[in-house]
Amino acid sequence: MSARRWRVGGRVQGVAFRAATQGRALALGLSGYAMNLQGGEVEVYAQGDGEALQQLALWLRRGPPAARVDTLRELPAAAGEAPGPGFAIR
Protein backbone atom coordinates (compact mmCIF):
# COMPACT_ATOMS: atom_id res chain seq x y z
CA MET A 1 0.00 0.00 0.00
CA SER A 2 1.22 3.47 -0.89
CA ALA A 3 0.26 6.87 0.49
CA ARG A 4 0.40 10.44 -0.78
CA ARG A 5 -0.42 13.87 0.64
CA TRP A 6 -1.18 17.04 -1.30
CA ARG A 7 -1.90 20.70 -0.57
CA VAL A 8 -4.28 22.21 -3.11
CA GLY A 9 -4.48 25.99 -3.49
CA GLY A 10 -6.73 28.33 -5.42
CA ARG A 11 -10.50 28.60 -5.16
CA VAL A 12 -10.91 25.28 -3.35
CA GLN A 13 -12.95 26.17 -0.26
CA GLY A 14 -16.69 26.75 -0.43
CA VAL A 15 -17.00 25.05 -3.84
CA ALA A 16 -17.60 21.40 -2.74
CA PHE A 17 -13.96 20.51 -3.38
CA ARG A 18 -13.71 18.16 -0.39
CA ALA A 19 -16.96 16.34 -1.24
CA ALA A 20 -15.94 15.93 -4.87
CA THR A 21 -12.51 14.67 -3.79
CA GLN A 22 -14.18 12.18 -1.46
CA GLY A 23 -16.34 10.87 -4.31
CA ARG A 24 -13.37 10.53 -6.66
CA ALA A 25 -11.19 8.84 -4.02
CA LEU A 26 -13.91 6.34 -3.11
CA ALA A 27 -14.48 5.55 -6.80
CA LEU A 28 -10.75 4.80 -7.04
CA GLY A 29 -10.85 2.56 -3.94
CA LEU A 30 -8.71 4.88 -1.82
CA SER A 31 -8.97 5.71 1.87
CA GLY A 32 -7.94 8.93 3.57
CA TYR A 33 -9.32 12.42 4.08
CA ALA A 34 -9.70 15.93 2.69
CA MET A 35 -9.72 18.92 5.02
CA ASN A 36 -9.78 22.70 4.78
CA LEU A 37 -6.73 24.55 6.11
CA GLN A 38 -6.81 28.02 7.64
CA GLY A 39 -4.82 29.61 4.81
CA GLY A 40 -7.47 28.69 2.22
CA GLU A 41 -5.86 25.48 0.95
CA VAL A 42 -7.23 21.95 1.13
CA GLU A 43 -5.07 19.08 2.36
CA VAL A 44 -5.72 15.68 0.81
CA TYR A 45 -4.24 12.46 2.20
CA ALA A 46 -4.90 9.18 0.43
CA GLN A 47 -3.61 5.65 0.65
CA GLY A 48 -4.10 2.61 -1.53
CA ASP A 49 -2.99 1.36 -4.93
CA GLY A 50 -0.23 3.40 -6.58
CA GLU A 51 -2.06 3.73 -9.91
CA ALA A 52 -5.22 4.91 -8.14
CA LEU A 53 -3.16 7.51 -6.27
CA GLN A 54 -1.76 8.74 -9.56
CA GLN A 55 -5.28 9.04 -10.99
CA LEU A 56 -6.36 11.06 -7.95
CA ALA A 57 -3.34 13.36 -8.36
CA LEU A 58 -4.33 14.02 -11.98
CA TRP A 59 -7.90 14.77 -10.91
CA LEU A 60 -6.72 17.13 -8.13
CA ARG A 61 -4.96 19.29 -10.75
CA ARG A 62 -8.41 20.15 -12.15
CA GLY A 63 -10.81 19.60 -9.25
CA PRO A 64 -14.59 19.88 -9.59
CA PRO A 65 -16.17 22.36 -12.04
CA ALA A 66 -16.73 25.16 -9.50
CA ALA A 67 -13.12 25.06 -8.25
CA ARG A 68 -10.02 26.73 -9.63
CA VAL A 69 -6.80 24.91 -8.79
CA ASP A 70 -3.79 27.23 -8.88
CA THR A 71 -1.27 25.06 -7.03
CA LEU A 72 -0.86 21.39 -6.21
CA ARG A 73 2.04 20.49 -3.93
CA GLU A 74 2.92 16.97 -2.88
CA LEU A 75 4.18 16.52 0.68
CA PRO A 76 5.71 13.54 2.49
CA ALA A 77 3.19 10.89 3.51
CA ALA A 78 3.36 7.60 5.36
CA ALA A 79 0.92 4.73 4.95
CA GLY A 80 -1.34 4.21 7.93
CA GLU A 81 -2.43 7.81 8.54
CA ALA A 82 -5.96 7.29 7.18
CA PRO A 83 -8.62 7.58 9.88
CA GLY A 84 -9.88 4.08 9.02
CA PRO A 85 -11.63 2.60 6.02
CA GLY A 86 -13.31 5.01 3.65
CA PHE A 87 -12.54 8.61 2.86
CA ALA A 88 -13.43 11.31 5.40
CA ILE A 89 -14.23 14.99 5.05
CA ARG A 90 -12.71 16.91 7.95
PDB file of N, CA and C in Angstrom:
ATOM      1  N   MET A   1       0.845  -1.183   0.000  1.00  0.00           N
ATOM      2  CA  MET A   1       0.000   0.000   0.000  1.00  0.00           C
ATOM      3  C   MET A   1       0.888   1.243   0.000  1.00  0.00           C
ATOM      4  N   SER A   2       0.504   2.205  -0.797  1.00  0.00           N
ATOM      5  CA  SER A   2       1.221   3.468  -0.893  1.00  0.00           C
ATOM      6  C   SER A   2       0.362   4.588  -0.322  1.00  0.00           C
ATOM      7  N   ALA A   3       0.992   5.712  -0.028  1.00  0.00           N
ATOM      8  CA  ALA A   3       0.262   6.871   0.492  1.00  0.00           C
ATOM      9  C   ALA A   3       0.845   8.139  -0.111  1.00  0.00           C
ATOM     10  N   ARG A   4      -0.029   9.137  -0.287  1.00  0.00           N
ATOM     11  CA  ARG A   4       0.397  10.442  -0.784  1.00  0.00           C
ATOM     12  C   ARG A   4      -0.406  11.535  -0.093  1.00  0.00           C
ATOM     13  N   ARG A   5       0.230  12.718   0.026  1.00  0.00           N
ATOM     14  CA  ARG A   5      -0.421  13.872   0.643  1.00  0.00           C
ATOM     15  C   ARG A   5      -0.197  15.071  -0.286  1.00  0.00           C
ATOM     16  N   TRP A   6      -1.254  15.853  -0.452  1.00  0.00           N
ATOM     17  CA  TRP A   6      -1.178  17.038  -1.297  1.00  0.00           C
ATOM     18  C   TRP A   6      -1.763  18.241  -0.578  1.00  0.00           C
ATOM     19  N   ARG A   7      -1.289  19.425  -0.950  1.00  0.00           N
ATOM     20  CA  ARG A   7      -1.904  20.698  -0.572  1.00  0.00           C
ATOM     21  C   ARG A   7      -2.382  21.333  -1.874  1.00  0.00           C
ATOM     22  N   VAL A   8      -3.661  21.668  -1.914  1.00  0.00           N
ATOM     23  CA  VAL A   8      -4.276  22.215  -3.105  1.00  0.00           C
ATOM     24  C   VAL A   8      -4.656  23.657  -2.828  1.00  0.00           C
ATOM     25  N   GLY A   9      -4.186  24.575  -3.667  1.00  0.00           N
ATOM     26  CA  GLY A   9      -4.479  25.985  -3.486  1.00  0.00           C
ATOM     27  C   GLY A   9      -5.256  26.552  -4.660  1.00  0.00           C
ATOM     28  N   GLY A  10      -5.903  27.665  -4.420  1.00  0.00           N
ATOM     29  CA  GLY A  10      -6.730  28.326  -5.424  1.00  0.00           C
ATOM     30  C   GLY A  10      -8.111  28.568  -4.832  1.00  0.00           C
ATOM     31  N   ARG A  11      -9.127  28.499  -5.670  1.00  0.00           N
ATOM     32  CA  ARG A  11     -10.501  28.600  -5.157  1.00  0.00           C
ATOM     33  C   ARG A  11     -10.971  27.168  -4.880  1.00  0.00           C
ATOM     34  N   VAL A  12     -10.638  26.674  -3.691  1.00  0.00           N
ATOM     35  CA  VAL A  12     -10.912  25.281  -3.349  1.00  0.00           C
ATOM     36  C   VAL A  12     -11.733  25.132  -2.066  1.00  0.00           C
ATOM     37  N   GLN A  13     -12.070  26.234  -1.425  1.00  0.00           N
ATOM     38  CA  GLN A  13     -12.951  26.171  -0.263  1.00  0.00           C
ATOM     39  C   GLN A  13     -14.278  26.818  -0.625  1.00  0.00           C
ATOM     40  N   GLY A  14     -15.371  26.219  -0.162  1.00  0.00           N
ATOM     41  CA  GLY A  14     -16.694  26.751  -0.433  1.00  0.00           C
ATOM     42  C   GLY A  14     -17.221  26.400  -1.816  1.00  0.00           C
ATOM     43  N   VAL A  15     -16.580  25.440  -2.490  1.00  0.00           N
ATOM     44  CA  VAL A  15     -16.997  25.048  -3.840  1.00  0.00           C
ATOM     45  C   VAL A  15     -17.172  23.528  -3.948  1.00  0.00           C
ATOM     46  N   ALA A  16     -17.391  22.862  -2.819  1.00  0.00           N
ATOM     47  CA  ALA A  16     -17.598  21.402  -2.736  1.00  0.00           C
ATOM     48  C   ALA A  16     -16.365  20.613  -3.172  1.00  0.00           C
ATOM     49  N   PHE A  17     -15.195  21.200  -2.998  1.00  0.00           N
ATOM     50  CA  PHE A  17     -13.963  20.510  -3.383  1.00  0.00           C
ATOM     51  C   PHE A  17     -13.745  19.241  -2.559  1.00  0.00           C
ATOM     52  N   ARG A  18     -13.946  19.333  -1.245  1.00  0.00           N
ATOM     53  CA  ARG A  18     -13.714  18.156  -0.394  1.00  0.00           C
ATOM     54  C   ARG A  18     -14.690  17.040  -0.722  1.00  0.00           C
ATOM     55  N   ALA A  19     -15.960  17.367  -0.920  1.00  0.00           N
ATOM     56  CA  ALA A  19     -16.960  16.339  -1.237  1.00  0.00           C
ATOM     57  C   ALA A  19     -16.666  15.694  -2.587  1.00  0.00           C
ATOM     58  N   ALA A  20     -16.278  16.485  -3.562  1.00  0.00           N
ATOM     59  CA  ALA A  20     -15.945  15.928  -4.873  1.00  0.00           C
ATOM     60  C   ALA A  20     -14.697  15.053  -4.791  1.00  0.00           C
ATOM     61  N   THR A  21     -13.721  15.467  -3.985  1.00  0.00           N
ATOM     62  CA  THR A  21     -12.512  14.674  -3.788  1.00  0.00           C
ATOM     63  C   THR A  21     -12.863  13.349  -3.116  1.00  0.00           C
ATOM     64  N   GLN A  22     -13.735  13.403  -2.131  1.00  0.00           N
ATOM     65  CA  GLN A  22     -14.178  12.181  -1.460  1.00  0.00           C
ATOM     66  C   GLN A  22     -14.801  11.217  -2.474  1.00  0.00           C
ATOM     67  N   GLY A  23     -15.692  11.719  -3.312  1.00  0.00           N
ATOM     68  CA  GLY A  23     -16.335  10.867  -4.306  1.00  0.00           C
ATOM     69  C   GLY A  23     -15.345  10.250  -5.266  1.00  0.00           C
ATOM     70  N   ARG A  24     -14.387  11.042  -5.730  1.00  0.00           N
ATOM     71  CA  ARG A  24     -13.374  10.528  -6.659  1.00  0.00           C
ATOM     72  C   ARG A  24     -12.500   9.494  -5.978  1.00  0.00           C
ATOM     73  N   ALA A  25     -12.059   9.774  -4.746  1.00  0.00           N
ATOM     74  CA  ALA A  25     -11.192   8.839  -4.017  1.00  0.00           C
ATOM     75  C   ALA A  25     -11.907   7.515  -3.763  1.00  0.00           C
ATOM     76  N   LEU A  26     -13.157   7.579  -3.361  1.00  0.00           N
ATOM     77  CA  LEU A  26     -13.911   6.343  -3.113  1.00  0.00           C
ATOM     78  C   LEU A  26     -14.090   5.547  -4.401  1.00  0.00           C
ATOM     79  N   ALA A  27     -14.347   6.233  -5.510  1.00  0.00           N
ATOM     80  CA  ALA A  27     -14.485   5.552  -6.799  1.00  0.00           C
ATOM     81  C   ALA A  27     -13.183   4.844  -7.199  1.00  0.00           C
ATOM     82  N   LEU A  28     -12.056   5.394  -6.744  1.00  0.00           N
ATOM     83  CA  LEU A  28     -10.751   4.796  -7.042  1.00  0.00           C
ATOM     84  C   LEU A  28     -10.332   3.753  -6.003  1.00  0.00           C
ATOM     85  N   GLY A  29     -11.154   3.551  -4.970  1.00  0.00           N
ATOM     86  CA  GLY A  29     -10.847   2.558  -3.938  1.00  0.00           C
ATOM     87  C   GLY A  29      -9.811   3.022  -2.930  1.00  0.00           C
ATOM     88  N   LEU A  30      -9.691   4.326  -2.747  1.00  0.00           N
ATOM     89  CA  LEU A  30      -8.707   4.882  -1.822  1.00  0.00           C
ATOM     90  C   LEU A  30      -9.339   5.211  -0.479  1.00  0.00           C
ATOM     91  N   SER A  31      -8.529   5.232   0.564  1.00  0.00           N
ATOM     92  CA  SER A  31      -8.971   5.714   1.869  1.00  0.00           C
ATOM     93  C   SER A  31      -8.142   6.941   2.224  1.00  0.00           C
ATOM     94  N   GLY A  32      -8.656   7.733   3.161  1.00  0.00           N
ATOM     95  CA  GLY A  32      -7.935   8.930   3.572  1.00  0.00           C
ATOM     96  C   GLY A  32      -8.871  10.035   3.983  1.00  0.00           C
ATOM     97  N   TYR A  33      -8.494  11.277   3.690  1.00  0.00           N
ATOM     98  CA  TYR A  33      -9.322  12.421   4.084  1.00  0.00           C
ATOM     99  C   TYR A  33      -8.993  13.639   3.230  1.00  0.00           C
ATOM    100  N   ALA A  34      -9.911  14.586   3.261  1.00  0.00           N
ATOM    101  CA  ALA A  34      -9.701  15.927   2.693  1.00  0.00           C
ATOM    102  C   ALA A  34     -10.157  16.916   3.750  1.00  0.00           C
ATOM    103  N   MET A  35      -9.338  17.947   4.002  1.00  0.00           N
ATOM    104  CA  MET A  35      -9.722  18.922   5.019  1.00  0.00           C
ATOM    105  C   MET A  35      -9.287  20.325   4.615  1.00  0.00           C
ATOM    106  N   ASN A  36     -10.102  21.301   5.002  1.00  0.00           N
ATOM    107  CA  ASN A  36      -9.775  22.702   4.781  1.00  0.00           C
ATOM    108  C   ASN A  36      -8.675  23.115   5.748  1.00  0.00           C
ATOM    109  N   LEU A  37      -7.777  23.964   5.272  1.00  0.00           N
ATOM    110  CA  LEU A  37      -6.733  24.549   6.107  1.00  0.00           C
ATOM    111  C   LEU A  37      -7.020  26.035   6.275  1.00  0.00           C
ATOM    112  N   GLN A  38      -6.524  26.620   7.337  1.00  0.00           N
ATOM    113  CA  GLN A  38      -6.811  28.021   7.641  1.00  0.00           C
ATOM    114  C   GLN A  38      -6.372  28.987   6.550  1.00  0.00           C
ATOM    115  N   GLY A  39      -5.321  28.698   5.835  1.00  0.00           N
ATOM    116  CA  GLY A  39      -4.821  29.607   4.812  1.00  0.00           C
ATOM    117  C   GLY A  39      -5.600  29.570   3.507  1.00  0.00           C
ATOM    118  N   GLY A  40      -6.659  28.758   3.427  1.00  0.00           N
ATOM    119  CA  GLY A  40      -7.467  28.688   2.221  1.00  0.00           C
ATOM    120  C   GLY A  40      -7.174  27.488   1.342  1.00  0.00           C
ATOM    121  N   GLU A  41      -6.173  26.690   1.706  1.00  0.00           N
ATOM    122  CA  GLU A  41      -5.856  25.483   0.950  1.00  0.00           C
ATOM    123  C   GLU A  41      -6.682  24.301   1.463  1.00  0.00           C
ATOM    124  N   VAL A  42      -6.653  23.218   0.702  1.00  0.00           N
ATOM    125  CA  VAL A  42      -7.233  21.952   1.127  1.00  0.00           C
ATOM    126  C   VAL A  42      -6.105  20.927   1.174  1.00  0.00           C
ATOM    127  N   GLU A  43      -6.026  20.176   2.267  1.00  0.00           N
ATOM    128  CA  GLU A  43      -5.072  19.081   2.362  1.00  0.00           C
ATOM    129  C   GLU A  43      -5.797  17.790   2.027  1.00  0.00           C
ATOM    130  N   VAL A  44      -5.167  16.981   1.191  1.00  0.00           N
ATOM    131  CA  VAL A  44      -5.720  15.682   0.812  1.00  0.00           C
ATOM    132  C   VAL A  44      -4.680  14.624   1.141  1.00  0.00           C
ATOM    133  N   TYR A  45      -5.084  13.618   1.899  1.00  0.00           N
ATOM    134  CA  TYR A  45      -4.241  12.464   2.203  1.00  0.00           C
ATOM    135  C   TYR A  45      -4.971  11.241   1.685  1.00  0.00           C
ATOM    136  N   ALA A  46      -4.266  10.395   0.945  1.00  0.00           N
ATOM    137  CA  ALA A  46      -4.899   9.184   0.427  1.00  0.00           C
ATOM    138  C   ALA A  46      -3.910   8.030   0.464  1.00  0.00           C
ATOM    139  N   GLN A  47      -4.446   6.848   0.681  1.00  0.00           N
ATOM    140  CA  GLN A  47      -3.611   5.652   0.651  1.00  0.00           C
ATOM    141  C   GLN A  47      -4.340   4.557  -0.106  1.00  0.00           C
ATOM    142  N   GLY A  48      -3.549   3.712  -0.752  1.00  0.00           N
ATOM    143  CA  GLY A  48      -4.103   2.609  -1.533  1.00  0.00           C
ATOM    144  C   GLY A  48      -3.166   2.264  -2.675  1.00  0.00           C
ATOM    145  N   ASP A  49      -3.735   1.772  -3.754  1.00  0.00           N
ATOM    146  CA  ASP A  49      -2.990   1.355  -4.928  1.00  0.00           C
ATOM    147  C   ASP A  49      -2.270   2.540  -5.575  1.00  0.00           C
ATOM    148  N   GLY A  50      -1.029   2.336  -5.992  1.00  0.00           N
ATOM    149  CA  GLY A  50      -0.233   3.403  -6.578  1.00  0.00           C
ATOM    150  C   GLY A  50      -0.841   4.017  -7.826  1.00  0.00           C
ATOM    151  N   GLU A  51      -1.423   3.199  -8.701  1.00  0.00           N
ATOM    152  CA  GLU A  51      -2.057   3.726  -9.912  1.00  0.00           C
ATOM    153  C   GLU A  51      -3.278   4.569  -9.566  1.00  0.00           C
ATOM    154  N   ALA A  52      -4.054   4.136  -8.574  1.00  0.00           N
ATOM    155  CA  ALA A  52      -5.222   4.909  -8.140  1.00  0.00           C
ATOM    156  C   ALA A  52      -4.788   6.251  -7.553  1.00  0.00           C
ATOM    157  N   LEU A  53      -3.685   6.262  -6.817  1.00  0.00           N
ATOM    158  CA  LEU A  53      -3.159   7.515  -6.266  1.00  0.00           C
ATOM    159  C   LEU A  53      -2.746   8.462  -7.385  1.00  0.00           C
ATOM    160  N   GLN A  54      -2.149   7.913  -8.426  1.00  0.00           N
ATOM    161  CA  GLN A  54      -1.759   8.744  -9.564  1.00  0.00           C
ATOM    162  C   GLN A  54      -2.990   9.336 -10.249  1.00  0.00           C
ATOM    163  N   GLN A  55      -4.042   8.541 -10.377  1.00  0.00           N
ATOM    164  CA  GLN A  55      -5.275   9.037 -10.986  1.00  0.00           C
ATOM    165  C   GLN A  55      -5.896  10.153 -10.142  1.00  0.00           C
ATOM    166  N   LEU A  56      -5.847  10.000  -8.806  1.00  0.00           N
ATOM    167  CA  LEU A  56      -6.361  11.060  -7.946  1.00  0.00           C
ATOM    168  C   LEU A  56      -5.534  12.330  -8.100  1.00  0.00           C
ATOM    169  N   ALA A  57      -4.208  12.193  -8.183  1.00  0.00           N
ATOM    170  CA  ALA A  57      -3.344  13.364  -8.359  1.00  0.00           C
ATOM    171  C   ALA A  57      -3.698  14.107  -9.649  1.00  0.00           C
ATOM    172  N   LEU A  58      -3.940  13.386 -10.716  1.00  0.00           N
ATOM    173  CA  LEU A  58      -4.327  14.020 -11.980  1.00  0.00           C
ATOM    174  C   LEU A  58      -5.654  14.748 -11.830  1.00  0.00           C
ATOM    175  N   TRP A  59      -6.596  14.130 -11.120  1.00  0.00           N
ATOM    176  CA  TRP A  59      -7.901  14.769 -10.906  1.00  0.00           C
ATOM    177  C   TRP A  59      -7.760  16.030 -10.052  1.00  0.00           C
ATOM    178  N   LEU A  60      -6.899  15.976  -9.021  1.00  0.00           N
ATOM    179  CA  LEU A  60      -6.716  17.128  -8.135  1.00  0.00           C
ATOM    180  C   LEU A  60      -6.188  18.346  -8.879  1.00  0.00           C
ATOM    181  N   ARG A  61      -5.475  18.157  -9.962  1.00  0.00           N
ATOM    182  CA  ARG A  61      -4.961  19.288 -10.748  1.00  0.00           C
ATOM    183  C   ARG A  61      -6.094  20.111 -11.360  1.00  0.00           C
ATOM    184  N   ARG A  62      -7.240  19.468 -11.575  1.00  0.00           N
ATOM    185  CA  ARG A  62      -8.411  20.149 -12.154  1.00  0.00           C
ATOM    186  C   ARG A  62      -9.456  20.453 -11.089  1.00  0.00           C
ATOM    187  N   GLY A  63      -9.771  19.456 -10.255  1.00  0.00           N
ATOM    188  CA  GLY A  63     -10.814  19.598  -9.249  1.00  0.00           C
ATOM    189  C   GLY A  63     -12.196  19.590  -9.879  1.00  0.00           C
ATOM    190  N   PRO A  64     -13.218  19.840  -9.080  1.00  0.00           N
ATOM    191  CA  PRO A  64     -14.589  19.876  -9.589  1.00  0.00           C
ATOM    192  C   PRO A  64     -14.828  21.149 -10.400  1.00  0.00           C
ATOM    193  N   PRO A  65     -15.921  21.217 -11.149  1.00  0.00           N
ATOM    194  CA  PRO A  65     -16.167  22.358 -12.043  1.00  0.00           C
ATOM    195  C   PRO A  65     -16.154  23.733 -11.367  1.00  0.00           C
ATOM    196  N   ALA A  66     -16.651  23.855 -10.151  1.00  0.00           N
ATOM    197  CA  ALA A  66     -16.725  25.160  -9.496  1.00  0.00           C
ATOM    198  C   ALA A  66     -15.383  25.623  -8.921  1.00  0.00           C
ATOM    199  N   ALA A  67     -14.419  24.728  -8.841  1.00  0.00           N
ATOM    200  CA  ALA A  67     -13.119  25.062  -8.248  1.00  0.00           C
ATOM    201  C   ALA A  67     -12.169  25.633  -9.294  1.00  0.00           C
ATOM    202  N   ARG A  68     -11.130  26.288  -8.794  1.00  0.00           N
ATOM    203  CA  ARG A  68     -10.021  26.732  -9.630  1.00  0.00           C
ATOM    204  C   ARG A  68      -8.742  26.336  -8.890  1.00  0.00           C
ATOM    205  N   VAL A  69      -8.029  25.375  -9.420  1.00  0.00           N
ATOM    206  CA  VAL A  69      -6.798  24.912  -8.792  1.00  0.00           C
ATOM    207  C   VAL A  69      -5.629  25.708  -9.359  1.00  0.00           C
ATOM    208  N   ASP A  70      -4.964  26.449  -8.484  1.00  0.00           N
ATOM    209  CA  ASP A  70      -3.789  27.231  -8.882  1.00  0.00           C
ATOM    210  C   ASP A  70      -2.494  26.502  -8.559  1.00  0.00           C
ATOM    211  N   THR A  71      -2.478  25.780  -7.443  1.00  0.00           N
ATOM    212  CA  THR A  71      -1.267  25.062  -7.031  1.00  0.00           C
ATOM    213  C   THR A  71      -1.621  23.684  -6.508  1.00  0.00           C
ATOM    214  N   LEU A  72      -0.749  22.739  -6.764  1.00  0.00           N
ATOM    215  CA  LEU A  72      -0.861  21.394  -6.211  1.00  0.00           C
ATOM    216  C   LEU A  72       0.540  20.991  -5.787  1.00  0.00           C
ATOM    217  N   ARG A  73       0.730  20.867  -4.478  1.00  0.00           N
ATOM    218  CA  ARG A  73       2.039  20.492  -3.933  1.00  0.00           C
ATOM    219  C   ARG A  73       1.928  19.130  -3.274  1.00  0.00           C
ATOM    220  N   GLU A  74       2.888  18.264  -3.562  1.00  0.00           N
ATOM    221  CA  GLU A  74       2.925  16.969  -2.885  1.00  0.00           C
ATOM    222  C   GLU A  74       3.861  17.067  -1.690  1.00  0.00           C
ATOM    223  N   LEU A  75       3.416  16.511  -0.561  1.00  0.00           N
ATOM    224  CA  LEU A  75       4.176  16.524   0.679  1.00  0.00           C
ATOM    225  C   LEU A  75       4.474  15.092   1.100  1.00  0.00           C
ATOM    226  N   PRO A  76       5.424  14.893   2.007  1.00  0.00           N
ATOM    227  CA  PRO A  76       5.712  13.542   2.492  1.00  0.00           C
ATOM    228  C   PRO A  76       4.475  12.915   3.135  1.00  0.00           C
ATOM    229  N   ALA A  77       4.323  11.623   2.927  1.00  0.00           N
ATOM    230  CA  ALA A  77       3.191  10.895   3.514  1.00  0.00           C
ATOM    231  C   ALA A  77       3.642   9.490   3.872  1.00  0.00           C
ATOM    232  N   ALA A  78       3.083   8.962   4.935  1.00  0.00           N
ATOM    233  CA  ALA A  78       3.361   7.603   5.358  1.00  0.00           C
ATOM    234  C   ALA A  78       2.053   6.816   5.365  1.00  0.00           C
ATOM    235  N   ALA A  79       2.113   5.581   4.915  1.00  0.00           N
ATOM    236  CA  ALA A  79       0.924   4.730   4.952  1.00  0.00           C
ATOM    237  C   ALA A  79       0.477   4.553   6.395  1.00  0.00           C
ATOM    238  N   GLY A  80      -0.805   4.435   6.592  1.00  0.00           N
ATOM    239  CA  GLY A  80      -1.343   4.209   7.928  1.00  0.00           C
ATOM    240  C   GLY A  80      -1.904   5.441   8.602  1.00  0.00           C
ATOM    241  N   GLU A  81      -1.903   6.589   7.935  1.00  0.00           N
ATOM    242  CA  GLU A  81      -2.429   7.810   8.542  1.00  0.00           C
ATOM    243  C   GLU A  81      -3.920   8.005   8.297  1.00  0.00           C
ATOM    244  N   ALA A  82      -4.522   7.163   7.457  1.00  0.00           N
ATOM    245  CA  ALA A  82      -5.958   7.291   7.183  1.00  0.00           C
ATOM    246  C   ALA A  82      -6.728   7.036   8.473  1.00  0.00           C
ATOM    247  N   PRO A  83      -7.845   7.722   8.639  1.00  0.00           N
ATOM    248  CA  PRO A  83      -8.623   7.578   9.882  1.00  0.00           C
ATOM    249  C   PRO A  83      -9.374   6.252   9.982  1.00  0.00           C
ATOM    250  N   GLY A  84      -9.182   5.363   9.053  1.00  0.00           N
ATOM    251  CA  GLY A  84      -9.878   4.080   9.020  1.00  0.00           C
ATOM    252  C   GLY A  84     -10.313   3.821   7.582  1.00  0.00           C
ATOM    253  N   PRO A  85     -11.172   2.850   7.381  1.00  0.00           N
ATOM    254  CA  PRO A  85     -11.632   2.596   6.018  1.00  0.00           C
ATOM    255  C   PRO A  85     -12.488   3.749   5.510  1.00  0.00           C
ATOM    256  N   GLY A  86     -12.520   3.934   4.222  1.00  0.00           N
ATOM    257  CA  GLY A  86     -13.313   5.007   3.650  1.00  0.00           C
ATOM    258  C   GLY A  86     -12.509   6.276   3.493  1.00  0.00           C
ATOM    259  N   PHE A  87     -13.194   7.339   3.104  1.00  0.00           N
ATOM    260  CA  PHE A  87     -12.544   8.613   2.857  1.00  0.00           C
ATOM    261  C   PHE A  87     -13.352   9.685   3.574  1.00  0.00           C
ATOM    262  N   ALA A  88     -12.720  10.355   4.529  1.00  0.00           N
ATOM    263  CA  ALA A  88     -13.426  11.307   5.400  1.00  0.00           C
ATOM    264  C   ALA A  88     -13.282  12.735   4.907  1.00  0.00           C
ATOM    265  N   ILE A  89     -14.287  13.534   5.223  1.00  0.00           N
ATOM    266  CA  ILE A  89     -14.226  14.988   5.046  1.00  0.00           C
ATOM    267  C   ILE A  89     -14.051  15.567   6.436  1.00  0.00           C
ATOM    268  N   ARG A  90     -12.988  16.307   6.627  1.00  0.00           N
ATOM    269  CA  ARG A  90     -12.705  16.907   7.945  1.00  0.00           C
ATOM    270  C   ARG A  90     -12.959  18.383   7.904  1.00  0.00           C
TER     271      ARG A  90
END
